Structures are given as C-alpha cells and as structure tokens.
Amino acid sequence: MEAKLEALKTINYWDSDPEFDLGFVRERYNAFFRNAMNNKLIKVLVGQRRAGKSFVIRQLMHKLIFDKKVNKKNLFYLNKELFEFDEIRTATELSELIKLYEKTYKPKGKIYLFFDEIQDVLQWERLIVSLSQHPVKDYEIVITGSNSSLLSGELASLLSGRYLLLEIFPFSYREYLIANNLENCKASFVEYISNTGLPERQNLTSNDTVYHYFQALKNTILLKDIMYRHKIRDYVLLEDIFLFLLHNVGKITSVPAIIKYFKNKNRKSDYTTISQYISYMQDAFLIHEAARYSVKTREFLSGEKKYYVNDLGFRNFLFPSLLNDFGSMLENVVYLHLRMAGYKTNVVSATNFEVDFIAEKSMEKRYIQVSYIMELPETVEREFGALEKIRDSNPKLVVSMDDMLIQNPNGIKHEHIWDFVYNLE
C-alpha cells in the first residue's frame, strides 16, 4: 500500500505542485461547483469517456488550493484510468489507501476526496456512502464515471437522494469558439459541426490522427464500458448497431426496423438483444434518444424513437461521407445543445405532421423545428406549417442555415441556427 501512496504523490499536490494540464476552463461546470460545494452531498460527474471530466476535477482542485487557499494536504485525488492504480480493485483496498494517506499527511478539517472513474472499484458504493455520512470526519466527495448506471441499483438506494448529478458534455459551440479564438458566424458554426467537441482534439494536428483517435475511443467504449461490463459475447453485433445508429441520426427508427435491416443482410438478431445493446450505449453516453410525444394524447409513444450521437466526431472522422448529410448534423447539434442547457428534449408526433423537438425545463416549454435551407416555398410551408398546427401558446421557433430570415405572420420566430445554439449557454 505504501507503493501506491508513493504513486499517488505524482498526481496530488501534497509534497509539490505538479504541473497539471488544466485544459480549457469549462465555466459552465465551474459554476455548478460554486453552488454545490460545502455540504455532505456527493457530487457525481458522468459523461462519455474523453468528454473532459478529469479536466473539470483538476480545475476544481486547482481552484480550491490557489483561489480558496485550502491546504493542499487536504485534497486526495485518485484516477482509476491510470495504469499504476489498476491494482486498487476493491473498496477495502481503497479504504486502506485513504487511511494511509490520512495517517501520513494528517490533514486537519475538511478533506476533499476526488475519485475518477470510480466504477472500476468493486463495491465502491458502500465506501463512498460511508465516507459521505461519517459522523465525525468531514469529507467533501466528488466522483466521476463513464456510465449512467453509476447511480442505478445499490448506490441510488443507499444515497436516497444525497447527491448532486452533473453530466459533462463535449465542447459546446460557444466553448469551441472561445477555445479556438473564433467569432460567432456561419463559417465558424460549419467548422464546429464538421469537427468534434472532444477537448483532446485541440492537441491532434491531422485528420488521420483524429481518425485513429476516434477509432480507438469507439473500441474502448464498446469493449471496456459495454462488452466487458455486461459480458456481451457478440461484439460484432454491438458495433454494427452503433454504426447503424450513426448512419441514421435524426431518423425515426425502432427495434423491429433494426431487426429487419439485419435480416435483409442475413444477420440474426432479436428484440431483447438489440434493446439491451442500445440501452448499454446510452448508459455509456455514446448515444441519446428522443421519444415521440403525441400532441393529441399528451403522452409519450412507445416503439419508434430518434437517436443522436453524443459527439459528431464519430460520424465526421470514421465516416466522412456522412458530412454530406447536413440536415442530420444540424438536428444532432440542436438536440445536444438543448440537453446541455438542461432541457428534456423529445420529438413531437401527430397524424399528419412532425416537429423536431419539444424542449421542456421547469415550467418552460418550447417547440423547435430544424431546417437546413428554406429556399423553396414548399420547405417554408412544411417547417412553419408544422408549428402552426400546434394549438398552444408556448414559443415556437424555426432554426436554419439561411442567410436571410423569414418573417412569419403567425408569430413563429426564425433564427440563424448558429445564434440559437450560441445563446443557449
């Protein structure tokens, strides 16, 4: 255990000030911590691998020490993704390591515990809950994980609501502009959606390198976060379902439709397996779903859904031909930015029309139609007409790539899509 503590010194501030790469400052998430700290609630950061969770933790640690003047010996940081900590596999081992740290450095007052990719520690839930509710010692705990099931099952029941959840997304459009010193305009937006929002892209200099990066990232998530975790035997089917969803972003689909697709290719599949594989990909934050909402019954419809990828880089660099599918890219970006802004986002469905999104947050509700270019009268009629069929007073909006905006006589707004996602921050 002493050797593990020695290894921890290289990523903690106890005896020196390691030169951490703090990356781009994610102000959205820093604001969360400004309001969330100084209580016994466990802070849980979830999100796709490489979306920037570790950078957010490093930024918080740096701020605590250098801005809040917290004694650096009061911060304990463990990143389970690092090879040297692979042998810390159980909650008991982790507990012993924390006790050794406390015995060695004797921190006084509140102790800040940071655990990156905590799900790789067996029975970590019981240790985290025990520490957070310690009757004598004061622990502030932040954990990260690359799987939404982090808060399912035992932890959810043990915590009984004693946690705050934050989902970390890839760079938003506004963050991308700031990180690359760009102005908000049509050309910058096209660059953004043709690229990726993953922070590490800033350090990759060629498209060939980025291709291999996304290939490795895809394999890591599918293998480590899904296949090994859920003991899946048919990796090829898992990968092919992901590729199917990548090629059908923003299109209404269903499990029976996917079964039919594979049947036409002489591939065997069944409803339960495909449903499970899709849910596993959602748990790993690879994809998101938007259910169909009936304006007639005001209920969500089961079966057919739309799926969106968490980062367009998986499409843009693994399948460059999909860059021509501009409409799907735009819809994907709007969906993600609505989610980043805290909206619950689904699809409006009716007998004779469809609206891309109904976005709800607290008491707010809005309807959004996403279009590429509305240069034809029939396109204008289709996009505005669908919104006009919704008979409530909630805001309705069409966003598109048009240079000129259209004045709608019925009060439906038309905005540049790059301004819309920029202002969702």
Protein backbone atom coordinates (compact mmCIF):
# COMPACT_ATOMS: atom_id res chain seq x y z
CA MET A 1 0.00 0.00 0.00
CA GLU A 2 2.95 2.32 0.66
CA ALA A 3 3.97 1.94 -3.00
CA LYS A 4 0.52 3.04 -4.12
CA LEU A 5 0.69 6.09 -1.88
CA GLU A 6 4.07 6.94 -3.43
CA ALA A 7 2.48 6.70 -6.87
CA LEU A 8 -0.36 8.98 -5.74
CA LYS A 9 2.15 11.71 -4.90
CA THR A 10 2.73 12.26 -8.61
CA ILE A 11 -0.88 13.30 -9.21
CA ASN A 12 -1.54 15.11 -5.92
CA TYR A 13 -0.31 18.42 -4.50
CA TRP A 14 0.81 17.04 -1.13
CA ASP A 15 4.58 17.48 -1.41
CA SER A 16 4.87 19.65 -4.53
CA ASP A 17 2.81 21.45 -7.16
CA PRO A 18 2.54 19.04 -10.11
CA GLU A 19 2.17 20.74 -13.47
CA PHE A 20 -1.31 19.52 -14.29
CA ASP A 21 -2.69 20.25 -17.72
CA LEU A 22 -5.82 22.12 -16.67
CA GLY A 23 -7.08 22.35 -20.24
CA PHE A 24 -9.79 24.74 -21.34
CA VAL A 25 -11.73 26.21 -18.41
CA ARG A 26 -15.29 24.86 -18.54
CA GLU A 27 -17.10 27.79 -16.95
CA ARG A 28 -20.49 26.05 -17.15
CA TYR A 29 -19.24 23.29 -14.84
CA ASN A 30 -17.19 25.57 -12.61
CA ALA A 31 -20.40 27.49 -11.93
CA PHE A 32 -22.01 24.23 -10.81
CA PHE A 33 -19.31 23.69 -8.20
CA ARG A 34 -19.54 27.25 -6.93
CA ASN A 35 -23.10 26.50 -5.86
CA ALA A 36 -22.69 22.82 -4.97
CA MET A 37 -19.79 22.66 -2.52
CA ASN A 38 -19.63 22.83 1.29
CA ASN A 39 -22.16 20.13 2.16
CA LYS A 40 -22.31 16.36 2.57
CA LEU A 41 -23.95 15.75 -0.80
CA ILE A 42 -21.85 13.58 -3.12
CA LYS A 43 -21.05 15.34 -6.37
CA VAL A 44 -21.38 12.90 -9.26
CA LEU A 45 -19.93 13.77 -12.67
CA VAL A 46 -20.96 11.49 -15.52
CA GLY A 47 -20.34 11.57 -19.24
CA GLN A 48 -18.73 9.86 -22.19
CA ARG A 49 -15.05 8.98 -21.99
CA ARG A 50 -12.81 11.88 -23.08
CA ALA A 51 -15.57 14.46 -22.68
CA GLY A 52 -13.45 16.29 -20.10
CA LYS A 53 -14.49 15.01 -16.66
CA SER A 54 -10.87 14.74 -15.44
CA PHE A 55 -10.11 18.27 -16.60
CA VAL A 56 -13.10 19.57 -14.64
CA ILE A 57 -11.82 17.84 -11.49
CA ARG A 58 -8.30 19.22 -11.96
CA GLN A 59 -9.67 22.71 -12.42
CA LEU A 60 -11.68 22.37 -9.21
CA MET A 61 -8.67 21.09 -7.26
CA HIS A 62 -6.50 23.91 -8.58
CA LYS A 63 -9.15 26.49 -7.65
CA LEU A 64 -9.54 25.12 -4.12
CA ILE A 65 -5.81 25.33 -3.44
CA PHE A 66 -4.82 28.52 -5.23
CA ASP A 67 -8.04 30.57 -5.01
CA LYS A 68 -9.79 29.24 -1.90
CA LYS A 69 -6.49 28.67 -0.05
CA VAL A 70 -7.40 25.13 1.04
CA ASN A 71 -4.39 23.28 2.45
CA LYS A 72 -3.10 21.10 -0.38
CA LYS A 73 -2.67 18.17 2.01
CA ASN A 74 -6.47 18.14 2.41
CA LEU A 75 -7.05 17.06 -1.17
CA PHE A 76 -6.91 13.37 -2.15
CA TYR A 77 -7.13 12.51 -5.86
CA LEU A 78 -7.22 9.06 -7.46
CA ASN A 79 -7.63 8.42 -11.18
CA LYS A 80 -8.51 4.78 -11.81
CA GLU A 81 -7.77 5.13 -15.52
CA LEU A 82 -4.05 5.36 -14.79
CA PHE A 83 -2.22 2.05 -15.04
CA GLU A 84 -0.33 2.45 -11.76
CA PHE A 85 -3.61 2.33 -9.85
CA ASP A 86 -5.09 -0.64 -11.67
CA GLU A 87 -4.43 -2.92 -8.69
CA ILE A 88 -6.74 -0.90 -6.44
CA ARG A 89 -9.70 -3.08 -7.25
CA THR A 90 -11.87 -3.23 -4.13
CA ALA A 91 -13.46 -0.78 -1.74
CA THR A 92 -11.42 -2.30 1.09
CA GLU A 93 -8.14 -1.56 -0.71
CA LEU A 94 -9.25 1.99 -1.46
CA SER A 95 -10.30 2.50 2.15
CA GLU A 96 -6.88 1.33 3.35
CA LEU A 97 -5.19 3.73 0.94
CA ILE A 98 -7.25 6.67 2.25
CA LYS A 99 -6.43 5.73 5.84
CA LEU A 100 -2.72 5.57 4.98
CA TYR A 101 -2.94 9.00 3.32
CA GLU A 102 -4.60 10.46 6.44
CA LYS A 103 -2.04 8.84 8.75
CA THR A 104 0.86 10.11 6.64
CA TYR A 105 -0.26 13.70 5.96
CA LYS A 106 -2.56 14.29 8.95
CA PRO A 107 -4.98 16.67 7.20
CA LYS A 108 -6.95 18.90 9.56
CA GLY A 109 -10.52 19.93 8.98
CA LYS A 110 -12.47 19.11 5.82
CA ILE A 111 -10.93 16.52 3.48
CA TYR A 112 -11.70 16.68 -0.22
CA LEU A 113 -11.84 13.28 -1.94
CA PHE A 114 -11.79 13.05 -5.75
CA PHE A 115 -12.27 9.68 -7.49
CA ASP A 116 -12.00 9.47 -11.27
CA GLU A 117 -13.75 6.50 -12.97
CA ILE A 118 -14.82 5.12 -9.61
CA GLN A 119 -16.93 2.36 -11.19
CA ASP A 120 -13.76 0.30 -11.68
CA VAL A 121 -13.54 -0.29 -7.91
CA LEU A 122 -15.56 -3.26 -6.66
CA GLN A 123 -18.25 -2.29 -4.10
CA TRP A 124 -17.16 1.34 -4.20
CA GLU A 125 -20.75 2.38 -3.44
CA ARG A 126 -20.61 1.27 0.21
CA LEU A 127 -17.32 3.05 0.83
CA ILE A 128 -18.48 6.33 -0.74
CA VAL A 129 -21.73 6.34 1.23
CA SER A 130 -19.88 5.50 4.46
CA LEU A 131 -17.41 8.35 3.95
CA SER A 132 -20.06 10.89 2.96
CA GLN A 133 -22.12 10.16 6.07
CA HIS A 134 -19.20 9.85 8.52
CA PRO A 135 -20.42 11.05 11.95
CA VAL A 136 -17.11 12.67 12.94
CA LYS A 137 -14.91 13.39 9.92
CA ASP A 138 -15.90 15.97 7.30
CA TYR A 139 -15.47 14.68 3.76
CA GLU A 140 -16.41 16.50 0.55
CA ILE A 141 -16.63 13.87 -2.19
CA VAL A 142 -16.55 14.21 -5.98
CA ILE A 143 -16.73 11.10 -8.17
CA THR A 144 -16.78 10.61 -11.93
CA GLY A 145 -17.91 7.75 -14.11
CA SER A 146 -18.38 6.92 -17.77
CA ASN A 147 -21.62 5.04 -17.28
CA SER A 148 -25.04 6.35 -16.29
CA SER A 149 -25.67 3.14 -14.33
CA LEU A 150 -23.26 4.66 -11.80
CA LEU A 151 -26.36 5.85 -9.96
CA SER A 152 -28.53 2.84 -10.52
CA GLY A 153 -29.10 -0.05 -8.18
CA GLU A 154 -27.40 -0.07 -4.80
CA LEU A 155 -25.89 3.42 -4.80
CA ALA A 156 -29.19 5.10 -5.62
CA SER A 157 -30.93 3.28 -2.79
CA LEU A 158 -28.08 3.84 -0.34
CA LEU A 159 -27.83 7.55 -1.10
CA SER A 160 -31.59 8.20 -1.12
CA GLY A 161 -31.12 11.49 -2.96
CA ARG A 162 -27.99 12.59 -1.08
CA TYR A 163 -26.10 13.50 -4.25
CA LEU A 164 -25.91 16.13 -6.98
CA LEU A 165 -25.58 14.93 -10.59
CA LEU A 166 -23.77 16.77 -13.38
CA GLU A 167 -23.46 15.45 -16.92
CA ILE A 168 -20.30 16.53 -18.74
CA PHE A 169 -20.73 17.03 -22.48
CA PRO A 170 -18.12 17.66 -25.18
CA PHE A 171 -17.42 21.32 -26.01
CA SER A 172 -20.50 23.36 -26.78
CA TYR A 173 -20.42 25.67 -29.80
CA ARG A 174 -19.67 28.67 -27.56
CA GLU A 175 -16.84 26.80 -25.81
CA TYR A 176 -15.42 25.76 -29.19
CA LEU A 177 -15.38 29.40 -30.32
CA ILE A 178 -13.60 30.56 -27.17
CA ALA A 179 -11.07 27.70 -27.22
CA ASN A 180 -10.20 28.39 -30.87
CA ASN A 181 -10.46 32.19 -30.75
CA LEU A 182 -13.27 32.30 -33.32
CA GLU A 183 -16.19 34.66 -33.73
CA ASN A 184 -19.80 33.54 -33.84
CA CYS A 185 -20.71 33.33 -37.50
CA LYS A 186 -21.93 30.85 -40.10
CA ALA A 187 -18.42 29.78 -41.15
CA SER A 188 -17.36 29.07 -37.55
CA PHE A 189 -20.51 27.04 -36.97
CA VAL A 190 -19.86 24.92 -40.07
CA GLU A 191 -16.32 24.29 -38.81
CA TYR A 192 -17.68 23.26 -35.41
CA ILE A 193 -20.24 20.75 -36.65
CA SER A 194 -17.73 19.31 -39.15
CA ASN A 195 -15.25 18.68 -36.35
CA THR A 196 -15.65 17.35 -32.79
CA GLY A 197 -16.30 18.80 -29.38
CA LEU A 198 -13.96 16.46 -27.51
CA PRO A 199 -11.26 18.54 -25.76
CA GLU A 200 -8.32 16.36 -26.84
CA ARG A 201 -8.96 17.32 -30.46
CA GLN A 202 -7.13 20.57 -29.74
CA ASN A 203 -3.86 18.61 -29.48
CA LEU A 204 -4.31 16.47 -32.61
CA THR A 205 -2.83 18.00 -35.72
CA SER A 206 -4.03 15.85 -38.62
CA ASN A 207 -7.29 14.25 -39.72
CA ASP A 208 -5.50 10.89 -39.95
CA THR A 209 -4.52 11.17 -36.28
CA VAL A 210 -8.08 12.14 -35.36
CA TYR A 211 -9.44 9.14 -37.27
CA HIS A 212 -7.26 6.75 -35.25
CA TYR A 213 -8.20 8.61 -32.06
CA PHE A 214 -11.93 8.08 -32.68
CA GLN A 215 -11.40 4.50 -33.79
CA ALA A 216 -9.58 3.75 -30.52
CA LEU A 217 -12.16 5.66 -28.47
CA LYS A 218 -15.04 3.77 -30.09
CA ASN A 219 -13.35 0.44 -29.41
CA THR A 220 -12.57 1.39 -25.79
CA ILE A 221 -16.15 2.38 -25.02
CA LEU A 222 -17.71 -0.59 -26.79
CA LEU A 223 -15.25 -3.07 -25.30
CA LYS A 224 -14.49 -1.79 -21.81
CA ASP A 225 -17.63 0.13 -20.89
CA ILE A 226 -20.12 -2.20 -22.55
CA MET A 227 -18.84 -5.60 -23.67
CA TYR A 228 -16.72 -6.49 -20.63
CA ARG A 229 -19.05 -4.84 -18.14
CA HIS A 230 -22.16 -6.64 -19.41
CA LYS A 231 -20.39 -9.85 -20.52
CA ILE A 232 -21.53 -9.48 -24.13
CA ARG A 233 -20.47 -12.24 -26.49
CA ASP A 234 -21.46 -10.78 -29.87
CA TYR A 235 -19.17 -7.75 -30.21
CA VAL A 236 -19.73 -7.57 -33.96
CA LEU A 237 -23.48 -7.09 -33.49
CA LEU A 238 -22.86 -4.45 -30.81
CA GLU A 239 -20.57 -2.49 -33.12
CA ASP A 240 -22.91 -2.86 -36.10
CA ILE A 241 -25.86 -1.49 -34.12
CA PHE A 242 -23.78 1.53 -33.16
CA LEU A 243 -22.80 2.06 -36.80
CA PHE A 244 -26.45 1.72 -37.84
CA LEU A 245 -27.45 4.43 -35.37
CA LEU A 246 -24.58 6.66 -36.56
CA HIS A 247 -25.88 6.40 -40.12
CA ASN A 248 -29.48 7.09 -39.06
CA VAL A 249 -29.06 10.08 -36.75
CA GLY A 250 -32.28 12.07 -36.52
CA LYS A 251 -34.38 9.48 -38.34
CA ILE A 252 -37.37 7.80 -36.75
CA THR A 253 -36.43 4.18 -36.11
CA SER A 254 -37.39 1.25 -33.93
CA VAL A 255 -36.02 -2.07 -32.75
CA PRO A 256 -38.19 -4.01 -35.27
CA ALA A 257 -36.79 -1.79 -38.03
CA ILE A 258 -33.24 -2.61 -36.94
CA ILE A 259 -34.09 -6.33 -36.84
CA LYS A 260 -35.46 -6.06 -40.38
CA TYR A 261 -32.31 -4.24 -41.52
CA PHE A 262 -30.08 -7.01 -40.24
CA LYS A 263 -32.40 -9.71 -41.58
CA ASN A 264 -32.03 -8.23 -45.06
CA LYS A 265 -28.28 -8.69 -44.63
CA ASN A 266 -28.76 -12.31 -43.49
CA ARG A 267 -27.87 -11.43 -39.91
CA LYS A 268 -29.71 -12.92 -36.96
CA SER A 269 -30.86 -10.66 -34.13
CA ASP A 270 -33.72 -10.46 -31.68
CA TYR A 271 -35.71 -7.75 -29.92
CA THR A 272 -34.30 -8.27 -26.44
CA THR A 273 -30.66 -8.27 -27.53
CA ILE A 274 -30.92 -5.15 -29.68
CA SER A 275 -32.88 -3.30 -26.99
CA GLN A 276 -30.26 -4.18 -24.40
CA TYR A 277 -27.35 -3.18 -26.64
CA ILE A 278 -28.93 0.20 -27.37
CA SER A 279 -29.55 0.81 -23.66
CA TYR A 280 -25.92 -0.08 -22.91
CA MET A 281 -24.75 2.50 -25.47
CA GLN A 282 -26.99 5.09 -23.85
CA ASP A 283 -25.57 4.19 -20.43
CA ALA A 284 -22.07 4.79 -21.84
CA PHE A 285 -23.21 8.18 -23.23
CA LEU A 286 -22.41 7.17 -26.80
CA ILE A 287 -25.94 7.92 -27.96
CA HIS A 288 -29.08 9.65 -26.72
CA GLU A 289 -32.70 9.00 -27.56
CA ALA A 290 -35.67 11.28 -28.16
CA ALA A 291 -39.05 9.69 -27.66
CA ARG A 292 -42.13 10.62 -29.72
CA TYR A 293 -44.63 12.86 -27.92
CA SER A 294 -48.25 12.89 -29.06
CA VAL A 295 -49.80 16.37 -29.09
CA LYS A 296 -53.24 14.73 -29.22
CA THR A 297 -52.99 12.48 -26.16
CA ARG A 298 -50.14 14.39 -24.46
CA GLU A 299 -48.39 11.10 -23.86
CA PHE A 300 -45.10 9.61 -24.96
CA LEU A 301 -45.41 6.91 -27.61
CA SER A 302 -43.50 3.68 -27.21
CA GLY A 303 -41.62 1.99 -30.01
CA GLU A 304 -40.33 4.48 -32.58
CA LYS A 305 -37.67 6.98 -31.49
CA LYS A 306 -34.91 9.19 -32.80
CA TYR A 307 -31.29 8.67 -31.80
CA TYR A 308 -28.45 11.18 -31.63
CA VAL A 309 -24.73 10.68 -31.17
CA ASN A 310 -23.00 12.32 -28.18
CA ASP A 311 -20.25 13.73 -30.38
CA LEU A 312 -20.41 14.21 -34.14
CA GLY A 313 -16.72 13.33 -34.41
CA PHE A 314 -17.69 9.64 -34.50
CA ARG A 315 -19.53 10.36 -37.78
CA ASN A 316 -17.28 13.06 -39.16
CA PHE A 317 -14.00 11.18 -38.89
CA LEU A 318 -14.98 7.50 -39.01
CA PHE A 319 -17.46 8.05 -41.87
CA PRO A 320 -16.52 11.28 -43.70
CA SER A 321 -19.16 10.63 -46.38
CA LEU A 322 -21.81 11.44 -43.74
CA LEU A 323 -20.60 15.05 -43.76
CA ASN A 324 -22.91 15.41 -46.76
CA ASP A 325 -25.90 14.62 -44.54
CA PHE A 326 -26.06 18.19 -43.30
CA GLY A 327 -29.64 18.04 -42.06
CA SER A 328 -28.90 15.22 -39.60
CA MET A 329 -25.80 17.03 -38.32
CA LEU A 330 -27.81 20.18 -37.62
CA GLU A 331 -30.53 18.28 -35.82
CA ASN A 332 -27.93 16.42 -33.73
CA VAL A 333 -26.23 19.67 -32.69
CA VAL A 334 -29.50 21.35 -31.70
CA TYR A 335 -30.53 18.29 -29.66
CA LEU A 336 -27.21 18.22 -27.78
CA HIS A 337 -27.28 21.93 -27.01
CA LEU A 338 -30.82 21.71 -25.68
CA ARG A 339 -29.65 18.88 -23.42
CA MET A 340 -26.58 20.90 -22.35
CA ALA A 341 -28.91 23.76 -21.41
CA GLY A 342 -30.90 21.41 -19.18
CA TYR A 343 -33.92 20.77 -21.40
CA LYS A 344 -35.71 17.45 -21.56
CA THR A 345 -35.91 17.03 -25.32
CA ASN A 346 -38.23 14.84 -27.39
CA VAL A 347 -39.99 14.68 -30.76
CA VAL A 348 -43.49 16.00 -31.44
CA SER A 349 -45.58 13.50 -33.37
CA ALA A 350 -49.06 13.76 -34.93
CA THR A 351 -51.04 12.04 -37.66
CA ASN A 352 -50.13 14.48 -40.42
CA PHE A 353 -47.08 16.39 -39.16
CA GLU A 354 -43.96 16.20 -37.01
CA VAL A 355 -41.94 18.81 -35.14
CA ASP A 356 -38.30 18.05 -34.47
CA PHE A 357 -38.21 18.96 -30.79
CA ILE A 358 -40.34 19.77 -27.80
CA ALA A 359 -37.94 21.12 -25.15
CA GLU A 360 -39.05 21.36 -21.52
CA LYS A 361 -37.32 22.75 -18.44
CA SER A 362 -39.08 23.59 -15.16
CA MET A 363 -42.25 25.44 -16.23
CA GLU A 364 -40.84 26.36 -19.65
CA LYS A 365 -41.80 24.64 -22.89
CA ARG A 366 -40.79 25.45 -26.46
CA TYR A 367 -41.10 23.85 -29.89
CA ILE A 368 -38.15 23.87 -32.32
CA GLN A 369 -38.06 22.96 -35.98
CA VAL A 370 -34.61 22.42 -37.52
CA SER A 371 -34.08 23.01 -41.23
CA TYR A 372 -31.03 23.25 -43.49
CA ILE A 373 -32.07 25.80 -46.13
CA MET A 374 -35.59 27.09 -46.75
CA GLU A 375 -35.18 28.39 -50.29
CA LEU A 376 -38.24 26.60 -51.69
CA PRO A 377 -41.82 27.68 -50.85
CA GLU A 378 -42.81 24.10 -50.02
CA THR A 379 -39.97 23.89 -47.50
CA VAL A 380 -41.10 27.11 -45.83
CA GLU A 381 -44.66 25.80 -45.70
CA ARG A 382 -43.58 22.46 -44.24
CA GLU A 383 -41.38 23.90 -41.50
CA PHE A 384 -43.66 26.75 -40.38
CA GLY A 385 -46.84 24.82 -41.11
CA ALA A 386 -45.99 22.02 -38.68
CA LEU A 387 -45.54 24.51 -35.85
CA GLU A 388 -48.75 26.34 -36.76
CA LYS A 389 -50.68 23.10 -36.21
CA ILE A 390 -49.71 23.09 -32.53
CA ARG A 391 -52.51 24.96 -30.80
CA ASP A 392 -50.91 26.10 -27.57
CA SER A 393 -49.29 29.42 -26.66
CA ASN A 394 -45.77 28.15 -25.97
CA PRO A 395 -42.90 29.68 -28.01
CA LYS A 396 -42.33 28.18 -31.46
CA LEU A 397 -39.16 28.56 -33.46
CA VAL A 398 -37.58 27.55 -36.77
CA VAL A 399 -33.77 27.48 -36.90
CA SER A 400 -31.85 27.11 -40.15
CA MET A 401 -28.69 27.93 -42.09
CA ASP A 402 -30.40 30.56 -44.24
CA ASP A 403 -28.63 33.89 -44.55
CA MET A 404 -31.92 35.78 -44.73
CA LEU A 405 -34.53 35.32 -42.02
CA ILE A 406 -38.23 34.93 -42.82
CA GLN A 407 -40.94 36.94 -41.08
CA ASN A 408 -43.82 34.64 -40.19
CA PRO A 409 -47.24 36.33 -39.92
CA ASN A 410 -48.34 33.96 -37.13
CA GLY A 411 -45.59 34.94 -34.72
CA ILE A 412 -43.30 31.93 -35.23
CA LYS A 413 -39.72 33.11 -34.97
CA HIS A 414 -36.97 32.24 -37.43
CA GLU A 415 -33.36 32.31 -36.21
CA HIS A 416 -29.93 31.52 -37.53
CA ILE A 417 -29.04 28.14 -36.09
CA TRP A 418 -25.58 29.31 -35.04
CA ASP A 419 -27.10 32.14 -32.99
CA PHE A 420 -29.67 29.82 -31.44
CA VAL A 421 -27.16 27.28 -30.06
CA TYR A 422 -24.73 30.05 -29.07
CA ASN A 423 -27.36 31.79 -26.98
CA LEU A 424 -28.49 28.57 -25.24
CA GLU A 425 -25.46 28.90 -22.91
